[in-house]
Protein backbone atom coordinates (compact mmCIF):
# COMPACT_ATOMS: atom_id res chain seq x y z
CA UNK A 1 71.01 146.19 4.98
CA UNK A 2 70.45 150.62 5.57
CA UNK A 3 70.09 152.10 1.90
CA UNK A 4 70.11 155.43 3.06
CA UNK A 5 73.74 155.48 4.56
CA UNK A 6 76.83 156.78 2.12
CA UNK A 7 79.46 154.20 0.99
CA UNK A 8 82.24 156.07 2.87
CA UNK A 9 80.15 155.80 5.59
CA UNK A 10 79.43 152.30 5.45
CA UNK A 11 82.93 151.29 4.81
CA UNK A 12 85.17 154.10 6.43
CA UNK A 13 86.84 154.61 3.60
CA UNK A 14 88.28 158.39 2.77
CA UNK A 15 88.64 160.22 -0.63
CA UNK A 16 91.25 159.86 -2.88
CA UNK A 17 93.27 163.16 -2.58
CA UNK A 18 95.92 163.35 -5.20
CA UNK A 19 98.76 166.06 -5.72
CA UNK A 20 97.89 167.74 -9.11
CA UNK A 21 94.80 166.11 -11.68
CA UNK A 22 93.24 163.17 -10.59
CA UNK A 23 92.72 160.13 -13.17
CA UNK A 24 89.20 159.32 -14.32
CA UNK A 25 88.77 156.25 -12.16
CA UNK A 26 90.00 158.43 -8.77
CA UNK A 27 87.16 160.89 -9.79
CA UNK A 28 84.81 158.17 -9.95
CA UNK A 29 85.54 156.76 -6.84
CA UNK A 30 85.15 159.78 -4.61
CA UNK A 31 81.79 160.69 -6.25
CA UNK A 32 80.87 156.81 -5.66
CA UNK A 33 81.92 156.76 -2.12
CA UNK A 34 79.85 159.92 -1.42
CA UNK A 35 76.42 158.36 -2.59
CA UNK A 36 73.79 156.41 -0.63
CA UNK A 37 73.18 152.79 -1.53
CA UNK A 38 69.86 153.94 -2.61
CA UNK A 39 71.57 156.47 -5.05
CA UNK A 40 73.40 153.79 -7.23
CA UNK A 41 72.62 153.44 -10.57
CA UNK A 42 73.07 150.61 -13.11
CA UNK A 43 76.45 152.33 -14.42
CA UNK A 44 77.72 152.62 -10.82
CA UNK A 45 76.88 148.46 -10.38
CA UNK A 46 78.81 147.70 -13.45
CA UNK A 47 81.41 149.71 -12.62
CA UNK A 48 81.56 147.95 -9.00
CA UNK A 49 81.66 144.82 -10.51
CA UNK A 50 84.56 145.66 -12.92
CA UNK A 51 86.98 147.28 -10.60
CA UNK A 52 85.80 144.74 -7.96
CA UNK A 53 85.12 147.66 -5.52
CA UNK A 54 82.09 147.04 -2.82
CA UNK A 55 81.10 144.01 -4.11
CA UNK A 56 78.96 142.69 -1.48
CA UNK A 57 76.73 146.36 -2.52
CA UNK A 58 77.32 145.80 -6.19
CA UNK A 59 75.90 142.35 -5.82
CA UNK A 60 72.76 143.56 -3.86
CA UNK A 61 71.87 146.10 -5.73
CA UNK A 62 72.57 144.22 -9.05
CA UNK A 63 69.96 141.60 -8.16
CA UNK A 64 67.36 143.67 -7.29
CA UNK A 65 67.54 145.84 -10.50
CA UNK A 66 67.62 142.36 -12.45
CA UNK A 67 64.62 141.13 -10.43
CA UNK A 68 62.75 144.37 -11.72
CA UNK A 69 64.27 143.88 -15.23
CA UNK A 70 66.45 140.99 -16.38
CA UNK A 71 67.68 143.02 -19.51
CA UNK A 72 69.05 145.92 -17.24
CA UNK A 73 72.11 147.57 -18.87
CA UNK A 74 74.29 150.62 -19.31
CA UNK A 75 75.40 150.29 -23.03
CA UNK A 76 73.43 147.28 -24.10
CA UNK A 77 70.34 145.12 -23.14
CA UNK A 78 71.80 142.34 -20.66
CA UNK A 79 74.94 143.80 -19.76
CA UNK A 80 73.92 143.70 -15.91
CA UNK A 81 73.17 139.92 -15.92
CA UNK A 82 76.52 139.53 -18.03
CA UNK A 83 79.04 141.24 -15.79
CA UNK A 84 77.15 139.72 -12.62
CA UNK A 85 78.17 136.18 -13.82
CA UNK A 86 81.78 137.52 -13.84
CA UNK A 87 81.69 137.42 -10.27
CA UNK A 88 83.24 135.26 -8.22
CA UNK A 89 80.78 132.39 -7.73
CA UNK A 90 81.71 132.33 -3.88
CA UNK A 91 80.40 136.07 -3.69
CA UNK A 92 77.28 135.31 -5.04
CA UNK A 93 76.41 132.24 -2.47
CA UNK A 94 73.67 134.31 -0.31
CA UNK A 95 72.31 134.92 -3.44
CA UNK A 96 71.48 131.95 -4.89
CA UNK A 97 67.73 131.43 -4.92
CA UNK A 98 67.38 135.01 -6.57
CA UNK A 99 69.66 134.61 -8.84
CA UNK A 100 68.30 131.36 -10.21
CA UNK A 101 65.06 133.25 -9.93
CA UNK A 102 66.18 135.80 -12.19
CA UNK A 103 68.15 133.45 -14.96
CA UNK A 104 64.46 131.25 -14.93
CA UNK A 105 62.53 134.77 -15.57
CA UNK A 106 65.33 136.08 -18.02
CA UNK A 107 65.04 132.95 -20.09
CA UNK A 108 61.23 132.84 -20.51
CA UNK A 109 61.58 136.79 -21.23
CA UNK A 110 64.29 136.78 -23.85
CA UNK A 111 61.85 134.31 -26.01
CA UNK A 112 59.18 137.26 -25.94
CA UNK A 113 61.73 140.04 -26.19
CA UNK A 114 62.03 142.04 -29.11
CA UNK A 115 65.94 142.29 -29.70
CA UNK A 116 66.95 143.92 -32.67
CA UNK A 117 68.80 141.03 -33.90
CA UNK A 118 68.31 137.41 -33.56
CA UNK A 119 72.18 136.83 -32.83
CA UNK A 120 71.30 139.32 -29.61
CA UNK A 121 68.74 136.71 -28.29
CA UNK A 122 70.83 133.97 -28.83
CA UNK A 123 74.11 135.74 -27.29
CA UNK A 124 71.87 136.32 -24.37
CA UNK A 125 70.66 132.68 -23.89
CA UNK A 126 73.99 131.59 -23.81
CA UNK A 127 74.76 134.02 -20.88
CA UNK A 128 72.00 132.85 -18.94
CA UNK A 129 73.01 129.21 -19.42
CA UNK A 130 76.72 129.51 -19.07
CA UNK A 131 75.77 131.36 -15.56
CA UNK A 132 73.13 128.98 -14.60
CA UNK A 133 75.92 126.11 -15.41
CA UNK A 134 78.29 127.95 -13.26
CA UNK A 135 75.86 128.04 -10.21
CA UNK A 136 75.16 124.52 -10.53
CA UNK A 137 78.73 123.42 -10.68
CA UNK A 138 79.61 125.54 -7.64
CA UNK A 139 76.58 124.05 -5.78
CA UNK A 140 77.25 120.52 -6.38
CA UNK A 141 81.06 120.99 -5.63
CA UNK A 142 79.69 122.90 -2.17
CA UNK A 143 77.25 119.71 -1.23
CA UNK A 144 79.96 117.48 -2.02
CA UNK A 145 82.30 119.49 0.55
CA UNK A 146 79.29 119.37 2.87
CA UNK A 147 78.71 115.60 2.45
CA UNK A 148 82.22 115.08 2.98
CA UNK A 149 83.18 117.12 5.92
CA UNK A 150 80.07 115.21 7.46
CA UNK A 151 81.33 111.73 6.78
CA UNK A 152 84.76 112.77 7.84
CA UNK A 153 83.08 114.41 11.51
CA UNK A 154 80.95 111.36 11.52
CA UNK A 155 84.32 108.94 10.73
CA UNK A 156 86.00 110.63 13.75
CA UNK A 157 83.00 110.35 16.06
CA UNK A 158 82.79 106.63 15.73
CA UNK A 159 86.64 106.40 16.79
CA UNK A 160 85.81 108.02 19.84
CA UNK A 161 85.37 106.30 23.27
CA UNK A 162 82.52 106.93 25.58
CA UNK A 163 84.72 108.68 27.69
CA UNK A 164 85.65 111.02 24.99
CA UNK A 165 82.13 111.73 24.01
CA UNK A 166 81.29 112.45 27.82
CA UNK A 167 83.90 114.76 27.96
CA UNK A 168 83.22 116.60 24.99
């Protein structure tokens, strides 16, 4: 994905034009769509996830930030990983291997990280483990569906005659 393009150009969206004073979310939206992907900051990514706006770009950027620093956040350490874990798992499918690597790295680094209090370490580990479990469950469902579809397709193929196979 070309990170030099502005969000408004990628999605062909327009500025919100309100009669009178605009709400903070509207102002944020107008500022956001005027940014290039490479200009997005962690605070932008977090809000994009919370608002479920331009989620594909948010995931792409979140994964990039988390590869560099699994503790990335705006208000607290680990915030980005925690928010990414709230994204619908189906939207993350293309990033599963990257996310697994990030979670493994985060688990290792969490043991060495200097948290202010031990409860934060335990909380971050809980986020990592829940996210990992969520991915594992979804991948098992996905694998079961593939096997089911394959068996269903194979069963249909067994019932075809040689004439059906030739005509297909």
